[in-house]
């Protein structure tokens, strides 16, 4: 089964620094089934994130790439998740990131 991986970033990403390597082992990632992410993709397509670098925002997840999720977008992401039991761990991760004003990294499939 294909999965997406999410983790809180220890430091805010800096402009000009690219995240191109698939390195979930560097972070305490949680795995989320692809079908659960597919269910909320239309809602996520309206939220501003960053793809690989924080130089300019993009809408939606980098489905097959790396998404950098800023604290300013995390509440909208939580709203997109709604009450999905399958996404409970992701909701908890995002809520924790909001509390600590941390960025979240997403490694797509």
PDB file of N, CA and C in Angstrom:
ATOM      1  N   UNK A   1       0.834  -1.168   0.000  1.00  0.00           N
ATOM      2  CA  UNK A   1       0.000   0.000   0.000  1.00  0.00           C
ATOM      3  C   UNK A   1       0.889   1.245   0.000  1.00  0.00           C
ATOM      4  N   UNK A   2       0.559   2.195  -0.846  1.00  0.00           N
ATOM      5  CA  UNK A   2       1.306   3.447  -0.915  1.00  0.00           C
ATOM      6  C   UNK A   2       0.974   4.311   0.295  1.00  0.00           C
ATOM      7  N   UNK A   3       1.992   4.989   0.814  1.00  0.00           N
ATOM      8  CA  UNK A   3       1.786   5.864   1.971  1.00  0.00           C
ATOM      9  C   UNK A   3       2.452   7.222   1.747  1.00  0.00           C
ATOM     10  N   UNK A   4       1.915   8.200   2.429  1.00  0.00           N
ATOM     11  CA  UNK A   4       2.514   9.526   2.537  1.00  0.00           C
ATOM     12  C   UNK A   4       3.099   9.591   3.940  1.00  0.00           C
ATOM     13  N   UNK A   5       4.204  10.304   4.093  1.00  0.00           N
ATOM     14  CA  UNK A   5       4.822  10.409   5.411  1.00  0.00           C
ATOM     15  C   UNK A   5       4.888  11.875   5.825  1.00  0.00           C
ATOM     16  N   UNK A   6       4.557  12.117   7.092  1.00  0.00           N
ATOM     17  CA  UNK A   6       4.509  13.469   7.640  1.00  0.00           C
ATOM     18  C   UNK A   6       5.314  13.523   8.932  1.00  0.00           C
ATOM     19  N   UNK A   7       5.947  14.671   9.180  1.00  0.00           N
ATOM     20  CA  UNK A   7       6.684  14.873  10.432  1.00  0.00           C
ATOM     21  C   UNK A   7       6.816  16.360  10.722  1.00  0.00           C
ATOM     22  N   UNK A   8       6.955  16.670  12.000  1.00  0.00           N
ATOM     23  CA  UNK A   8       7.260  18.032  12.402  1.00  0.00           C
ATOM     24  C   UNK A   8       8.733  18.300  12.108  1.00  0.00           C
ATOM     25  N   UNK A   9       9.011  19.480  11.604  1.00  0.00           N
ATOM     26  CA  UNK A   9      10.392  19.850  11.305  1.00  0.00           C
ATOM     27  C   UNK A   9      11.033  20.481  12.545  1.00  0.00           C
ATOM     28  N   UNK A  10      12.279  20.126  12.847  1.00  0.00           N
ATOM     29  CA  UNK A  10      12.931  20.695  14.027  1.00  0.00           C
ATOM     30  C   UNK A  10      13.235  22.189  13.869  1.00  0.00           C
ATOM     31  N   UNK A  11      13.412  22.641  12.614  1.00  0.00           N
ATOM     32  CA  UNK A  11      13.754  24.040  12.343  1.00  0.00           C
ATOM     33  C   UNK A  11      12.928  24.539  11.168  1.00  0.00           C
ATOM     34  N   UNK A  12      12.659  25.811  11.168  1.00  0.00           N
ATOM     35  CA  UNK A  12      11.952  26.428  10.045  1.00  0.00           C
ATOM     36  C   UNK A  12      12.842  26.373   8.808  1.00  0.00           C
ATOM     37  N   UNK A  13      12.296  25.934   7.665  1.00  0.00           N
ATOM     38  CA  UNK A  13      13.111  25.906   6.445  1.00  0.00           C
ATOM     39  C   UNK A  13      13.465  27.331   6.001  1.00  0.00           C
ATOM     40  N   UNK A  14      14.648  27.485   5.454  1.00  0.00           N
ATOM     41  CA  UNK A  14      15.140  28.797   5.029  1.00  0.00           C
ATOM     42  C   UNK A  14      14.970  28.978   3.524  1.00  0.00           C
ATOM     43  N   UNK A  15      14.753  30.217   3.112  1.00  0.00           N
ATOM     44  CA  UNK A  15      14.630  30.515   1.681  1.00  0.00           C
ATOM     45  C   UNK A  15      15.884  30.042   0.952  1.00  0.00           C
ATOM     46  N   UNK A  16      15.666  29.492  -0.230  1.00  0.00           N
ATOM     47  CA  UNK A  16      16.764  29.037  -1.065  1.00  0.00           C
ATOM     48  C   UNK A  16      17.262  27.635  -0.764  1.00  0.00           C
ATOM     49  N   UNK A  17      16.861  27.068   0.356  1.00  0.00           N
ATOM     50  CA  UNK A  17      17.284  25.706   0.714  1.00  0.00           C
ATOM     51  C   UNK A  17      16.245  24.733   0.177  1.00  0.00           C
ATOM     52  N   UNK A  18      16.684  23.846  -0.704  1.00  0.00           N
ATOM     53  CA  UNK A  18      15.773  22.893  -1.346  1.00  0.00           C
ATOM     54  C   UNK A  18      15.697  21.593  -0.552  1.00  0.00           C
ATOM     55  N   UNK A  19      14.507  21.037  -0.526  1.00  0.00           N
ATOM     56  CA  UNK A  19      14.254  19.726   0.064  1.00  0.00           C
ATOM     57  C   UNK A  19      13.876  18.810  -1.093  1.00  0.00           C
ATOM     58  N   UNK A  20      14.869  18.153  -1.669  1.00  0.00           N
ATOM     59  CA  UNK A  20      14.649  17.303  -2.832  1.00  0.00           C
ATOM     60  C   UNK A  20      14.868  15.822  -2.545  1.00  0.00           C
ATOM     61  N   UNK A  21      15.516  15.515  -1.439  1.00  0.00           N
ATOM     62  CA  UNK A  21      15.835  14.123  -1.123  1.00  0.00           C
ATOM     63  C   UNK A  21      14.720  13.502  -0.293  1.00  0.00           C
ATOM     64  N   UNK A  22      14.365  12.284  -0.649  1.00  0.00           N
ATOM     65  CA  UNK A  22      13.377  11.530   0.120  1.00  0.00           C
ATOM     66  C   UNK A  22      14.095  11.007   1.360  1.00  0.00           C
ATOM     67  N   UNK A  23      13.919  11.697   2.499  1.00  0.00           N
ATOM     68  CA  UNK A  23      14.652  11.370   3.720  1.00  0.00           C
ATOM     69  C   UNK A  23      13.744  11.283   4.948  1.00  0.00           C
ATOM     70  N   UNK A  24      12.699  10.476   4.910  1.00  0.00           N
ATOM     71  CA  UNK A  24      11.821  10.406   6.083  1.00  0.00           C
ATOM     72  C   UNK A  24      12.535   9.877   7.324  1.00  0.00           C
ATOM     73  N   UNK A  25      13.647   9.173   7.146  1.00  0.00           N
ATOM     74  CA  UNK A  25      14.384   8.634   8.292  1.00  0.00           C
ATOM     75  C   UNK A  25      15.013   9.751   9.130  1.00  0.00           C
ATOM     76  N   UNK A  26      15.142  10.956   8.575  1.00  0.00           N
ATOM     77  CA  UNK A  26      15.695  12.089   9.320  1.00  0.00           C
ATOM     78  C   UNK A  26      14.691  12.671  10.314  1.00  0.00           C
ATOM     79  N   UNK A  27      13.439  12.302  10.151  1.00  0.00           N
ATOM     80  CA  UNK A  27      12.359  12.874  10.958  1.00  0.00           C
ATOM     81  C   UNK A  27      11.569  11.734  11.603  1.00  0.00           C
ATOM     82  N   UNK A  28      10.809  12.051  12.618  1.00  0.00           N
ATOM     83  CA  UNK A  28       9.927  11.052  13.250  1.00  0.00           C
ATOM     84  C   UNK A  28       8.604  11.041  12.481  1.00  0.00           C
ATOM     85  N   UNK A  29       8.626  10.409  11.323  1.00  0.00           N
ATOM     86  CA  UNK A  29       7.469  10.435  10.419  1.00  0.00           C
ATOM     87  C   UNK A  29       6.363   9.486  10.852  1.00  0.00           C
ATOM     88  N   UNK A  30       5.154   9.903  10.524  1.00  0.00           N
ATOM     89  CA  UNK A  30       4.011   9.002  10.627  1.00  0.00           C
ATOM     90  C   UNK A  30       3.587   8.673   9.204  1.00  0.00           C
ATOM     91  N   UNK A  31       3.142   7.448   8.996  1.00  0.00           N
ATOM     92  CA  UNK A  31       2.695   7.012   7.671  1.00  0.00           C
ATOM     93  C   UNK A  31       1.182   7.151   7.587  1.00  0.00           C
ATOM     94  N   UNK A  32       0.719   7.684   6.463  1.00  0.00           N
ATOM     95  CA  UNK A  32      -0.709   7.874   6.227  1.00  0.00           C
ATOM     96  C   UNK A  32      -1.047   7.196   4.903  1.00  0.00           C
ATOM     97  N   UNK A  33      -2.043   6.311   4.886  1.00  0.00           N
ATOM     98  CA  UNK A  33      -2.395   5.615   3.648  1.00  0.00           C
ATOM     99  C   UNK A  33      -2.787   6.596   2.537  1.00  0.00           C
ATOM    100  N   UNK A  34      -2.344   6.287   1.340  1.00  0.00           N
ATOM    101  CA  UNK A  34      -2.630   7.133   0.186  1.00  0.00           C
ATOM    102  C   UNK A  34      -4.127   7.341  -0.012  1.00  0.00           C
ATOM    103  N   UNK A  35      -4.927   6.298   0.173  1.00  0.00           N
ATOM    104  CA  UNK A  35      -6.367   6.453  -0.074  1.00  0.00           C
ATOM    105  C   UNK A  35      -6.997   7.464   0.879  1.00  0.00           C
ATOM    106  N   UNK A  36      -6.484   7.585   2.093  1.00  0.00           N
ATOM    107  CA  UNK A  36      -7.001   8.579   3.042  1.00  0.00           C
ATOM    108  C   UNK A  36      -6.648   9.993   2.583  1.00  0.00           C
ATOM    109  N   UNK A  37      -5.444  10.161   2.038  1.00  0.00           N
ATOM    110  CA  UNK A  37      -5.036  11.470   1.513  1.00  0.00           C
ATOM    111  C   UNK A  37      -5.850  11.803   0.265  1.00  0.00           C
ATOM    112  N   UNK A  38      -6.062  10.815  -0.597  1.00  0.00           N
ATOM    113  CA  UNK A  38      -6.844  11.056  -1.816  1.00  0.00           C
ATOM    114  C   UNK A  38      -8.224  11.606  -1.494  1.00  0.00           C
ATOM    115  N   UNK A  39      -8.812  11.151  -0.388  1.00  0.00           N
ATOM    116  CA  UNK A  39     -10.149  11.604  -0.006  1.00  0.00           C
ATOM    117  C   UNK A  39     -10.209  13.102   0.289  1.00  0.00           C
ATOM    118  N   UNK A  40      -9.106  13.686   0.740  1.00  0.00           N
ATOM    119  CA  UNK A  40      -9.123  15.108   1.098  1.00  0.00           C
ATOM    120  C   UNK A  40      -8.354  15.992   0.112  1.00  0.00           C
ATOM    121  N   UNK A  41      -7.833  15.418  -0.963  1.00  0.00           N
ATOM    122  CA  UNK A  41      -7.051  16.199  -1.931  1.00  0.00           C
ATOM    123  C   UNK A  41      -7.789  17.425  -2.466  1.00  0.00           C
ATOM    124  N   UNK A  42      -9.081  17.323  -2.797  1.00  0.00           N
ATOM    125  CA  UNK A  42      -9.761  18.528  -3.305  1.00  0.00           C
ATOM    126  C   UNK A  42      -9.732  19.687  -2.300  1.00  0.00           C
ATOM    127  N   UNK A  43      -9.875  19.392  -1.025  1.00  0.00           N
ATOM    128  CA  UNK A  43      -9.819  20.442   0.001  1.00  0.00           C
ATOM    129  C   UNK A  43      -8.396  20.983   0.146  1.00  0.00           C
ATOM    130  N   UNK A  44      -7.415  20.094   0.073  1.00  0.00           N
ATOM    131  CA  UNK A  44      -6.020  20.524   0.211  1.00  0.00           C
ATOM    132  C   UNK A  44      -5.576  21.376  -0.971  1.00  0.00           C
ATOM    133  N   UNK A  45      -6.218  21.203  -2.118  1.00  0.00           N
ATOM    134  CA  UNK A  45      -5.860  21.956  -3.325  1.00  0.00           C
ATOM    135  C   UNK A  45      -6.115  23.454  -3.165  1.00  0.00           C
ATOM    136  N   UNK A  46      -6.861  23.836  -2.147  1.00  0.00           N
ATOM    137  CA  UNK A  46      -7.163  25.248  -1.896  1.00  0.00           C
ATOM    138  C   UNK A  46      -6.233  25.883  -0.863  1.00  0.00           C
ATOM    139  N   UNK A  47      -5.354  25.091  -0.269  1.00  0.00           N
ATOM    140  CA  UNK A  47      -4.488  25.572   0.815  1.00  0.00           C
ATOM    141  C   UNK A  47      -3.087  25.850   0.275  1.00  0.00           C
ATOM    142  N   UNK A  48      -2.484  26.946   0.739  1.00  0.00           N
ATOM    143  CA  UNK A  48      -1.124  27.282   0.310  1.00  0.00           C
ATOM    144  C   UNK A  48      -0.087  26.516   1.117  1.00  0.00           C
ATOM    145  N   UNK A  49       0.779  25.836   0.377  1.00  0.00           N
ATOM    146  CA  UNK A  49       1.911  25.116   0.931  1.00  0.00           C
ATOM    147  C   UNK A  49       3.138  25.543   0.131  1.00  0.00           C
ATOM    148  N   UNK A  50       4.247  24.865   0.344  1.00  0.00           N
ATOM    149  CA  UNK A  50       5.454  25.082  -0.447  1.00  0.00           C
ATOM    150  C   UNK A  50       5.920  23.728  -0.957  1.00  0.00           C
ATOM    151  N   UNK A  51       6.359  23.693  -2.212  1.00  0.00           N
ATOM    152  CA  UNK A  51       6.844  22.450  -2.811  1.00  0.00           C
ATOM    153  C   UNK A  51       8.364  22.512  -2.908  1.00  0.00           C
ATOM    154  N   UNK A  52       9.029  21.732  -2.104  1.00  0.00           N
ATOM    155  CA  UNK A  52      10.489  21.553  -2.112  1.00  0.00           C
ATOM    156  C   UNK A  52      11.299  22.738  -1.596  1.00  0.00           C
ATOM    157  N   UNK A  53      10.762  23.949  -1.669  1.00  0.00           N
ATOM    158  CA  UNK A  53      11.506  25.150  -1.271  1.00  0.00           C
ATOM    159  C   UNK A  53      10.497  26.215  -0.837  1.00  0.00           C
ATOM    160  N   UNK A  54      10.883  27.068   0.116  1.00  0.00           N
ATOM    161  CA  UNK A  54       9.930  28.061   0.629  1.00  0.00           C
ATOM    162  C   UNK A  54       9.980  29.395  -0.117  1.00  0.00           C
ATOM    163  N   UNK A  55      10.526  29.404  -1.301  1.00  0.00           N
ATOM    164  CA  UNK A  55      10.652  30.652  -2.049  1.00  0.00           C
ATOM    165  C   UNK A  55       9.331  31.161  -2.623  1.00  0.00           C
ATOM    166  N   UNK A  56       8.408  30.272  -2.945  1.00  0.00           N
ATOM    167  CA  UNK A  56       7.102  30.730  -3.415  1.00  0.00           C
ATOM    168  C   UNK A  56       6.038  29.689  -3.094  1.00  0.00           C
ATOM    169  N   UNK A  57       4.875  30.170  -2.651  1.00  0.00           N
ATOM    170  CA  UNK A  57       3.810  29.232  -2.267  1.00  0.00           C
ATOM    171  C   UNK A  57       3.163  28.564  -3.473  1.00  0.00           C
ATOM    172  N   UNK A  58       2.639  27.389  -3.230  1.00  0.00           N
ATOM    173  CA  UNK A  58       1.874  26.626  -4.230  1.00  0.00           C
ATOM    174  C   UNK A  58       0.617  26.127  -3.540  1.00  0.00           C
ATOM    175  N   UNK A  59      -0.415  25.874  -4.310  1.00  0.00           N
ATOM    176  CA  UNK A  59      -1.650  25.321  -3.745  1.00  0.00           C
ATOM    177  C   UNK A  59      -1.574  23.799  -3.777  1.00  0.00           C
ATOM    178  N   UNK A  60      -2.021  23.163  -2.709  1.00  0.00           N
ATOM    179  CA  UNK A  60      -2.103  21.708  -2.649  1.00  0.00           C
ATOM    180  C   UNK A  60      -0.789  21.035  -2.296  1.00  0.00           C
ATOM    181  N   UNK A  61      -0.905  19.733  -1.998  1.00  0.00           N
ATOM    182  CA  UNK A  61       0.276  18.922  -1.682  1.00  0.00           C
ATOM    183  C   UNK A  61       1.082  18.620  -2.935  1.00  0.00           C
ATOM    184  N   UNK A  62       2.384  18.470  -2.771  1.00  0.00           N
ATOM    185  CA  UNK A  62       3.233  17.911  -3.829  1.00  0.00           C
ATOM    186  C   UNK A  62       3.032  16.398  -3.712  1.00  0.00           C
ATOM    187  N   UNK A  63       2.026  15.891  -4.397  1.00  0.00           N
ATOM    188  CA  UNK A  63       1.551  14.520  -4.220  1.00  0.00           C
ATOM    189  C   UNK A  63       2.672  13.483  -4.315  1.00  0.00           C
ATOM    190  N   UNK A  64       3.555  13.642  -5.284  1.00  0.00           N
ATOM    191  CA  UNK A  64       4.667  12.697  -5.462  1.00  0.00           C
ATOM    192  C   UNK A  64       6.005  13.327  -5.082  1.00  0.00           C
ATOM    193  N   UNK A  65       5.948  14.441  -4.393  1.00  0.00           N
ATOM    194  CA  UNK A  65       7.171  15.137  -4.019  1.00  0.00           C
ATOM    195  C   UNK A  65       7.193  15.470  -2.541  1.00  0.00           C
ATOM    196  N   UNK A  66       7.842  16.576  -2.228  1.00  0.00           N
ATOM    197  CA  UNK A  66       7.996  17.005  -0.840  1.00  0.00           C
ATOM    198  C   UNK A  66       7.261  18.327  -0.651  1.00  0.00           C
ATOM    199  N   UNK A  67       6.415  18.360   0.358  1.00  0.00           N
ATOM    200  CA  UNK A  67       5.646  19.557   0.683  1.00  0.00           C
ATOM    201  C   UNK A  67       6.121  20.092   2.027  1.00  0.00           C
ATOM    202  N   UNK A  68       6.313  21.392   2.087  1.00  0.00           N
ATOM    203  CA  UNK A  68       6.646  22.072   3.334  1.00  0.00           C
ATOM    204  C   UNK A  68       5.385  22.813   3.767  1.00  0.00           C
ATOM    205  N   UNK A  69       4.880  22.460   4.944  1.00  0.00           N
ATOM    206  CA  UNK A  69       3.600  22.977   5.421  1.00  0.00           C
ATOM    207  C   UNK A  69       3.871  24.003   6.521  1.00  0.00           C
ATOM    208  N   UNK A  70       3.584  25.286   6.240  1.00  0.00           N
ATOM    209  CA  UNK A  70       3.857  26.322   7.237  1.00  0.00           C
ATOM    210  C   UNK A  70       2.805  26.341   8.338  1.00  0.00           C
ATOM    211  N   UNK A  71       3.157  26.876   9.494  1.00  0.00           N
ATOM    212  CA  UNK A  71       2.186  26.980  10.584  1.00  0.00           C
ATOM    213  C   UNK A  71       0.907  27.713  10.176  1.00  0.00           C
ATOM    214  N   UNK A  72       1.014  28.657   9.251  1.00  0.00           N
ATOM    215  CA  UNK A  72      -0.159  29.422   8.814  1.00  0.00           C
ATOM    216  C   UNK A  72      -1.168  28.587   8.036  1.00  0.00           C
ATOM    217  N   UNK A  73      -0.773  27.428   7.548  1.00  0.00           N
ATOM    218  CA  UNK A  73      -1.674  26.562   6.772  1.00  0.00           C
ATOM    219  C   UNK A  73      -2.166  25.349   7.553  1.00  0.00           C
ATOM    220  N   UNK A  74      -1.624  25.128   8.723  1.00  0.00           N
ATOM    221  CA  UNK A  74      -1.930  23.890   9.456  1.00  0.00           C
ATOM    222  C   UNK A  74      -3.373  23.819   9.939  1.00  0.00           C
ATOM    223  N   UNK A  75      -3.944  24.931  10.373  1.00  0.00           N
ATOM    224  CA  UNK A  75      -5.344  24.900  10.822  1.00  0.00           C
ATOM    225  C   UNK A  75      -6.281  24.553   9.664  1.00  0.00           C
ATOM    226  N   UNK A  76      -6.002  25.084   8.488  1.00  0.00           N
ATOM    227  CA  UNK A  76      -6.811  24.753   7.310  1.00  0.00           C
ATOM    228  C   UNK A  76      -6.673  23.278   6.963  1.00  0.00           C
ATOM    229  N   UNK A  77      -5.477  22.738   7.114  1.00  0.00           N
ATOM    230  CA  UNK A  77      -5.241  21.314   6.864  1.00  0.00           C
ATOM    231  C   UNK A  77      -6.065  20.488   7.847  1.00  0.00           C
ATOM    232  N   UNK A  78      -6.065  20.887   9.116  1.00  0.00           N
ATOM    233  CA  UNK A  78      -6.843  20.175  10.139  1.00  0.00           C
ATOM    234  C   UNK A  78      -8.327  20.205   9.783  1.00  0.00           C
ATOM    235  N   UNK A  79      -8.814  21.354   9.330  1.00  0.00           N
ATOM    236  CA  UNK A  79     -10.216  21.464   8.913  1.00  0.00           C
ATOM    237  C   UNK A  79     -10.512  20.538   7.737  1.00  0.00           C
ATOM    238  N   UNK A  80      -9.572  20.416   6.808  1.00  0.00           N
ATOM    239  CA  UNK A  80      -9.757  19.532   5.653  1.00  0.00           C
ATOM    240  C   UNK A  80      -9.864  18.073   6.086  1.00  0.00           C
ATOM    241  N   UNK A  81      -9.152  17.704   7.139  1.00  0.00           N
ATOM    242  CA  UNK A  81      -9.195  16.330   7.648  1.00  0.00           C
ATOM    243  C   UNK A  81     -10.563  16.009   8.232  1.00  0.00           C
ATOM    244  N   UNK A  82     -11.168  16.988   8.872  1.00  0.00           N
ATOM    245  CA  UNK A  82     -12.483  16.761   9.478  1.00  0.00           C
ATOM    246  C   UNK A  82     -12.423  15.703  10.562  1.00  0.00           C
ATOM    247  N   UNK A  83     -13.403  14.802  10.551  1.00  0.00           N
ATOM    248  CA  UNK A  83     -13.508  13.764  11.583  1.00  0.00           C
ATOM    249  C   UNK A  83     -13.001  12.400  11.121  1.00  0.00           C
ATOM    250  N   UNK A  84     -12.212  12.359  10.084  1.00  0.00           N
ATOM    251  CA  UNK A  84     -11.720  11.089   9.552  1.00  0.00           C
ATOM    252  C   UNK A  84     -10.891  10.334  10.595  1.00  0.00           C
ATOM    253  N   UNK A  85     -11.380   9.169  10.996  1.00  0.00           N
ATOM    254  CA  UNK A  85     -10.654   8.342  11.972  1.00  0.00           C
ATOM    255  C   UNK A  85      -9.321   7.870  11.400  1.00  0.00           C
ATOM    256  N   UNK A  86      -9.285   7.652  10.099  1.00  0.00           N
ATOM    257  CA  UNK A  86      -8.071   7.171   9.437  1.00  0.00           C
ATOM    258  C   UNK A  86      -6.949   8.219   9.493  1.00  0.00           C
ATOM    259  N   UNK A  87      -7.330   9.474   9.705  1.00  0.00           N
ATOM    260  CA  UNK A  87      -6.349  10.554   9.734  1.00  0.00           C
ATOM    261  C   UNK A  87      -6.123  11.126  11.133  1.00  0.00           C
ATOM    262  N   UNK A  88      -6.506  10.368  12.166  1.00  0.00           N
ATOM    263  CA  UNK A  88      -6.345  10.824  13.553  1.00  0.00           C
ATOM    264  C   UNK A  88      -4.900  11.170  13.898  1.00  0.00           C
ATOM    265  N   UNK A  89      -3.955  10.321  13.507  1.00  0.00           N
ATOM    266  CA  UNK A  89      -2.546  10.576  13.838  1.00  0.00           C
ATOM    267  C   UNK A  89      -2.045  11.842  13.148  1.00  0.00           C
ATOM    268  N   UNK A  90      -2.479  12.031  11.909  1.00  0.00           N
ATOM    269  CA  UNK A  90      -2.075  13.232  11.179  1.00  0.00           C
ATOM    270  C   UNK A  90      -2.678  14.473  11.835  1.00  0.00           C
ATOM    271  N   UNK A  91      -3.943  14.396  12.221  1.00  0.00           N
ATOM    272  CA  UNK A  91      -4.587  15.518  12.908  1.00  0.00           C
ATOM    273  C   UNK A  91      -3.815  15.868  14.187  1.00  0.00           C
ATOM    274  N   UNK A  92      -3.454  14.848  14.963  1.00  0.00           N
ATOM    275  CA  UNK A  92      -2.706  15.069  16.204  1.00  0.00           C
ATOM    276  C   UNK A  92      -1.351  15.712  15.923  1.00  0.00           C
ATOM    277  N   UNK A  93      -0.664  15.236  14.898  1.00  0.00           N
ATOM    278  CA  UNK A  93       0.632  15.816  14.520  1.00  0.00           C
ATOM    279  C   UNK A  93       0.470  17.290  14.166  1.00  0.00           C
ATOM    280  N   UNK A  94      -0.534  17.607  13.366  1.00  0.00           N
ATOM    281  CA  UNK A  94      -0.756  18.993  12.958  1.00  0.00           C
ATOM    282  C   UNK A  94      -1.153  19.873  14.145  1.00  0.00           C
ATOM    283  N   UNK A  95      -1.975  19.348  15.035  1.00  0.00           N
ATOM    284  CA  UNK A  95      -2.364  20.116  16.228  1.00  0.00           C
ATOM    285  C   UNK A  95      -1.150  20.408  17.108  1.00  0.00           C
ATOM    286  N   UNK A  96      -0.254  19.442  17.228  1.00  0.00           N
ATOM    287  CA  UNK A  96       0.976  19.643  18.000  1.00  0.00           C
ATOM    288  C   UNK A  96       1.855  20.692  17.327  1.00  0.00           C
ATOM    289  N   UNK A  97       1.956  20.621  16.009  1.00  0.00           N
ATOM    290  CA  UNK A  97       2.746  21.605  15.263  1.00  0.00           C
ATOM    291  C   UNK A  97       2.182  23.011  15.459  1.00  0.00           C
ATOM    292  N   UNK A  98       0.864  23.135  15.473  1.00  0.00           N
ATOM    293  CA  UNK A  98       0.234  24.440  15.711  1.00  0.00           C
ATOM    294  C   UNK A  98       0.620  24.958  17.096  1.00  0.00           C
ATOM    295  N   UNK A  99       0.544  24.091  18.101  1.00  0.00           N
ATOM    296  CA  UNK A  99       0.863  24.502  19.477  1.00  0.00           C
ATOM    297  C   UNK A  99       2.286  25.028  19.611  1.00  0.00           C
ATOM    298  N   UNK A 100       3.217  24.401  18.885  1.00  0.00           N
ATOM    299  CA  UNK A 100       4.625  24.765  19.007  1.00  0.00           C
ATOM    300  C   UNK A 100       5.122  25.644  17.861  1.00  0.00           C
ATOM    301  N   UNK A 101       4.191  26.076  16.982  1.00  0.00           N
ATOM    302  CA  UNK A 101       4.531  26.939  15.845  1.00  0.00           C
ATOM    303  C   UNK A 101       5.640  26.319  14.986  1.00  0.00           C
ATOM    304  N   UNK A 102       5.479  25.038  14.673  1.00  0.00           N
ATOM    305  CA  UNK A 102       6.468  24.291  13.890  1.00  0.00           C
ATOM    306  C   UNK A 102       5.957  24.019  12.478  1.00  0.00           C
ATOM    307  N   UNK A 103       6.862  23.919  11.549  1.00  0.00           N
ATOM    308  CA  UNK A 103       6.548  23.503  10.186  1.00  0.00           C
ATOM    309  C   UNK A 103       6.414  21.984  10.162  1.00  0.00           C
ATOM    310  N   UNK A 104       5.675  21.492   9.172  1.00  0.00           N
ATOM    311  CA  UNK A 104       5.520  20.054   8.952  1.00  0.00           C
ATOM    312  C   UNK A 104       6.041  19.743   7.557  1.00  0.00           C
ATOM    313  N   UNK A 105       6.720  18.620   7.424  1.00  0.00           N
ATOM    314  CA  UNK A 105       7.199  18.163   6.120  1.00  0.00           C
ATOM    315  C   UNK A 105       6.381  16.950   5.693  1.00  0.00           C
ATOM    316  N   UNK A 106       6.082  16.899   4.406  1.00  0.00           N
ATOM    317  CA  UNK A 106       5.314  15.797   3.814  1.00  0.00           C
ATOM    318  C   UNK A 106       6.159  15.167   2.713  1.00  0.00           C
ATOM    319  N   UNK A 107       6.319  13.861   2.790  1.00  0.00           N
ATOM    320  CA  UNK A 107       6.977  13.096   1.733  1.00  0.00           C
ATOM    321  C   UNK A 107       5.882  12.342   0.997  1.00  0.00           C
ATOM    322  N   UNK A 108       5.655  12.702  -0.259  1.00  0.00           N
ATOM    323  CA  UNK A 108       4.601  12.064  -1.046  1.00  0.00           C
ATOM    324  C   UNK A 108       4.982  10.672  -1.492  1.00  0.00           C
ATOM    325  N   UNK A 109       4.058  10.065  -2.223  1.00  0.00           N
ATOM    326  CA  UNK A 109       4.282   8.686  -2.661  1.00  0.00           C
ATOM    327  C   UNK A 109       5.264   8.621  -3.821  1.00  0.00           C
TER     328      UNK A 109
END
